[in-house]
Amino acid sequence: MQIETVGQYQLHLIAHELPAGGWDPFVSIFRFDAGKEDFECVVDKHHVDGHFDSYEAAIEAATRTGNKLIRESGPQH
């Protein structure tokens, strides 16, 4: 798992290796809650469309998807 910070959000990036080969990416999004002084999950293990030949490509796709979700909707509770 990799974690990237985007403003008040954290992207938790995961890619699972498939038995038949390739990688299946997922992204979870956490937003910092100042009142709780901690991050809260606002999107849990969102599946990214597509299967990728490498772990790196899967993580890049998960990053793009996470950033797109933040830009388009600003995930809420």
N, C-alpha and C. Protein backbone atom coordinates (compact mmCIF):
# COMPACT_ATOMS: atom_id res chain seq x y z
N MET A 1 0.85 -1.17 0.00
CA MET A 1 0.00 0.00 0.00
C MET A 1 0.89 1.24 0.00
N GLN A 2 0.45 2.23 -0.73
CA GLN A 2 1.11 3.52 -0.75
C GLN A 2 0.11 4.58 -0.30
N ILE A 3 0.62 5.64 0.32
CA ILE A 3 -0.23 6.75 0.76
C ILE A 3 0.29 8.03 0.14
N GLU A 4 -0.63 8.80 -0.45
CA GLU A 4 -0.29 10.11 -1.00
C GLU A 4 -1.21 11.13 -0.36
N THR A 5 -0.67 12.30 -0.03
CA THR A 5 -1.45 13.38 0.54
C THR A 5 -1.77 14.39 -0.54
N VAL A 6 -3.06 14.77 -0.62
CA VAL A 6 -3.54 15.76 -1.58
C VAL A 6 -4.37 16.76 -0.77
N GLY A 7 -3.76 17.88 -0.40
CA GLY A 7 -4.46 18.86 0.43
C GLY A 7 -4.87 18.24 1.74
N GLN A 8 -6.17 18.29 2.05
CA GLN A 8 -6.68 17.73 3.30
C GLN A 8 -7.03 16.24 3.18
N TYR A 9 -6.70 15.64 2.06
CA TYR A 9 -7.03 14.24 1.80
C TYR A 9 -5.78 13.37 1.78
N GLN A 10 -5.99 12.09 2.09
CA GLN A 10 -4.97 11.07 1.87
C GLN A 10 -5.57 10.03 0.93
N LEU A 11 -4.78 9.62 -0.04
CA LEU A 11 -5.15 8.52 -0.92
C LEU A 11 -4.39 7.28 -0.45
N HIS A 12 -5.12 6.22 -0.17
CA HIS A 12 -4.50 4.94 0.17
C HIS A 12 -4.62 4.08 -1.08
N LEU A 13 -3.49 3.79 -1.69
CA LEU A 13 -3.43 3.13 -2.99
C LEU A 13 -3.01 1.68 -2.82
N ILE A 14 -3.82 0.80 -3.40
CA ILE A 14 -3.58 -0.64 -3.25
C ILE A 14 -3.71 -1.30 -4.62
N ALA A 15 -2.87 -2.29 -4.87
CA ALA A 15 -3.02 -3.10 -6.09
C ALA A 15 -2.83 -4.57 -5.69
N HIS A 16 -3.80 -5.39 -6.09
CA HIS A 16 -3.74 -6.82 -5.80
C HIS A 16 -3.29 -7.56 -7.06
N GLU A 17 -2.35 -8.46 -6.87
CA GLU A 17 -1.89 -9.27 -8.00
C GLU A 17 -2.95 -10.33 -8.30
N LEU A 18 -3.26 -10.47 -9.58
CA LEU A 18 -4.27 -11.43 -10.02
C LEU A 18 -3.63 -12.79 -10.29
N PRO A 19 -4.32 -13.88 -9.98
CA PRO A 19 -3.76 -15.21 -10.19
C PRO A 19 -3.37 -15.47 -11.65
N ALA A 20 -4.13 -14.92 -12.58
CA ALA A 20 -3.86 -15.15 -14.00
C ALA A 20 -2.85 -14.14 -14.56
N GLY A 21 -2.34 -13.28 -13.69
CA GLY A 21 -1.39 -12.26 -14.12
C GLY A 21 -2.04 -10.89 -14.16
N GLY A 22 -1.26 -9.88 -13.93
CA GLY A 22 -1.75 -8.52 -13.93
C GLY A 22 -2.08 -8.04 -12.52
N TRP A 23 -2.52 -6.80 -12.45
CA TRP A 23 -2.78 -6.14 -11.17
C TRP A 23 -4.13 -5.44 -11.21
N ASP A 24 -4.84 -5.49 -10.08
CA ASP A 24 -6.17 -4.92 -9.93
C ASP A 24 -6.08 -3.79 -8.89
N PRO A 25 -6.28 -2.52 -9.29
CA PRO A 25 -6.07 -1.39 -8.38
C PRO A 25 -7.34 -0.94 -7.63
N PHE A 26 -7.09 -0.38 -6.44
CA PHE A 26 -8.14 0.17 -5.58
C PHE A 26 -7.61 1.44 -4.94
N VAL A 27 -8.53 2.35 -4.58
CA VAL A 27 -8.15 3.55 -3.85
C VAL A 27 -9.17 3.80 -2.74
N SER A 28 -8.67 4.13 -1.56
CA SER A 28 -9.50 4.61 -0.46
C SER A 28 -9.11 6.06 -0.22
N ILE A 29 -10.09 6.88 0.15
CA ILE A 29 -9.83 8.30 0.37
C ILE A 29 -10.20 8.66 1.79
N PHE A 30 -9.28 9.34 2.46
CA PHE A 30 -9.47 9.80 3.83
C PHE A 30 -9.36 11.32 3.84
N ARG A 31 -10.20 11.97 4.65
CA ARG A 31 -10.17 13.42 4.78
C ARG A 31 -9.85 13.77 6.23
N PHE A 32 -9.00 14.80 6.41
CA PHE A 32 -8.63 15.21 7.76
C PHE A 32 -9.79 15.94 8.41
N ASP A 33 -10.14 15.51 9.62
CA ASP A 33 -11.19 16.14 10.42
C ASP A 33 -10.49 16.88 11.55
N ALA A 34 -10.49 18.21 11.48
CA ALA A 34 -9.78 19.03 12.47
C ALA A 34 -10.35 18.84 13.87
N GLY A 35 -11.65 18.65 13.98
CA GLY A 35 -12.27 18.45 15.29
C GLY A 35 -11.79 17.18 15.98
N LYS A 36 -11.61 16.14 15.20
CA LYS A 36 -11.14 14.85 15.74
C LYS A 36 -9.62 14.74 15.71
N GLU A 37 -8.99 15.67 14.99
CA GLU A 37 -7.54 15.65 14.79
C GLU A 37 -7.07 14.31 14.24
N ASP A 38 -7.84 13.81 13.26
CA ASP A 38 -7.52 12.52 12.66
C ASP A 38 -8.18 12.46 11.28
N PHE A 39 -7.77 11.47 10.49
CA PHE A 39 -8.36 11.26 9.18
C PHE A 39 -9.57 10.33 9.29
N GLU A 40 -10.61 10.64 8.48
CA GLU A 40 -11.80 9.80 8.39
C GLU A 40 -11.93 9.27 6.98
N CYS A 41 -12.34 8.03 6.84
CA CYS A 41 -12.55 7.44 5.52
C CYS A 41 -13.81 8.02 4.90
N VAL A 42 -13.69 8.53 3.67
CA VAL A 42 -14.84 9.06 2.95
C VAL A 42 -15.15 8.24 1.69
N VAL A 43 -14.19 7.46 1.21
CA VAL A 43 -14.40 6.51 0.11
C VAL A 43 -13.60 5.27 0.48
N ASP A 44 -14.29 4.14 0.62
CA ASP A 44 -13.63 2.92 1.07
C ASP A 44 -13.39 1.96 -0.09
N LYS A 45 -12.15 1.69 -0.37
CA LYS A 45 -11.70 0.69 -1.34
C LYS A 45 -12.48 0.72 -2.66
N HIS A 46 -12.42 1.88 -3.31
CA HIS A 46 -13.05 2.07 -4.61
C HIS A 46 -12.26 1.29 -5.67
N HIS A 47 -12.95 0.42 -6.41
CA HIS A 47 -12.28 -0.36 -7.46
C HIS A 47 -12.03 0.52 -8.68
N VAL A 48 -10.82 0.51 -9.16
CA VAL A 48 -10.44 1.27 -10.34
C VAL A 48 -10.64 0.38 -11.56
N ASP A 49 -11.34 0.90 -12.57
CA ASP A 49 -11.60 0.11 -13.78
C ASP A 49 -10.29 -0.28 -14.46
N GLY A 50 -10.22 -1.52 -14.89
CA GLY A 50 -9.08 -2.00 -15.66
C GLY A 50 -8.17 -2.89 -14.86
N HIS A 51 -7.40 -3.67 -15.58
CA HIS A 51 -6.36 -4.52 -15.01
C HIS A 51 -5.06 -4.09 -15.69
N PHE A 52 -3.97 -4.12 -14.95
CA PHE A 52 -2.73 -3.53 -15.43
C PHE A 52 -1.60 -4.56 -15.37
N ASP A 53 -0.64 -4.38 -16.28
CA ASP A 53 0.46 -5.33 -16.40
C ASP A 53 1.48 -5.22 -15.27
N SER A 54 1.55 -4.06 -14.63
CA SER A 54 2.53 -3.89 -13.56
C SER A 54 1.91 -3.24 -12.34
N TYR A 55 2.53 -3.47 -11.20
CA TYR A 55 2.10 -2.84 -9.96
C TYR A 55 2.14 -1.33 -10.09
N GLU A 56 3.20 -0.82 -10.67
CA GLU A 56 3.38 0.63 -10.83
C GLU A 56 2.26 1.24 -11.66
N ALA A 57 1.89 0.59 -12.76
CA ALA A 57 0.81 1.09 -13.61
C ALA A 57 -0.53 1.07 -12.86
N ALA A 58 -0.75 0.04 -12.06
CA ALA A 58 -1.99 -0.05 -11.28
C ALA A 58 -2.05 1.07 -10.24
N ILE A 59 -0.94 1.34 -9.57
CA ILE A 59 -0.89 2.40 -8.57
C ILE A 59 -1.10 3.77 -9.22
N GLU A 60 -0.51 3.98 -10.40
CA GLU A 60 -0.72 5.24 -11.13
C GLU A 60 -2.19 5.42 -11.48
N ALA A 61 -2.85 4.35 -11.91
CA ALA A 61 -4.28 4.43 -12.24
C ALA A 61 -5.11 4.73 -10.98
N ALA A 62 -4.76 4.13 -9.86
CA ALA A 62 -5.46 4.39 -8.61
C ALA A 62 -5.26 5.85 -8.18
N THR A 63 -4.06 6.38 -8.38
CA THR A 63 -3.78 7.78 -8.05
C THR A 63 -4.63 8.72 -8.91
N ARG A 64 -4.67 8.46 -10.21
CA ARG A 64 -5.48 9.29 -11.11
C ARG A 64 -6.95 9.25 -10.71
N THR A 65 -7.45 8.07 -10.41
CA THR A 65 -8.85 7.92 -10.03
C THR A 65 -9.14 8.65 -8.72
N GLY A 66 -8.28 8.51 -7.74
CA GLY A 66 -8.46 9.19 -6.46
C GLY A 66 -8.48 10.70 -6.62
N ASN A 67 -7.54 11.23 -7.40
CA ASN A 67 -7.51 12.67 -7.65
C ASN A 67 -8.77 13.14 -8.38
N LYS A 68 -9.24 12.34 -9.33
CA LYS A 68 -10.45 12.68 -10.07
C LYS A 68 -11.66 12.71 -9.14
N LEU A 69 -11.77 11.73 -8.25
CA LEU A 69 -12.88 11.70 -7.30
C LEU A 69 -12.86 12.93 -6.39
N ILE A 70 -11.69 13.33 -5.95
CA ILE A 70 -11.56 14.52 -5.09
C ILE A 70 -11.97 15.76 -5.87
N ARG A 71 -11.47 15.91 -7.10
CA ARG A 71 -11.78 17.10 -7.91
C ARG A 71 -13.26 17.20 -8.24
N GLU A 72 -13.85 16.09 -8.64
CA GLU A 72 -15.22 16.10 -9.14
C GLU A 72 -16.28 16.21 -8.06
N SER A 73 -16.05 15.58 -6.93
CA SER A 73 -17.13 15.54 -5.95
C SER A 73 -16.71 15.97 -4.56
N GLY A 74 -15.42 16.12 -4.31
CA GLY A 74 -15.01 16.41 -2.95
C GLY A 74 -15.71 15.46 -2.00
N PRO A 75 -15.26 14.20 -1.92
CA PRO A 75 -15.97 13.16 -1.18
C PRO A 75 -16.46 13.64 0.19
N GLN A 76 -17.68 13.33 0.48
CA GLN A 76 -18.29 13.66 1.77
C GLN A 76 -18.55 12.38 2.53
N HIS A 77 -19.02 12.52 3.75
CA HIS A 77 -19.35 11.34 4.58
C HIS A 77 -20.43 10.53 3.94
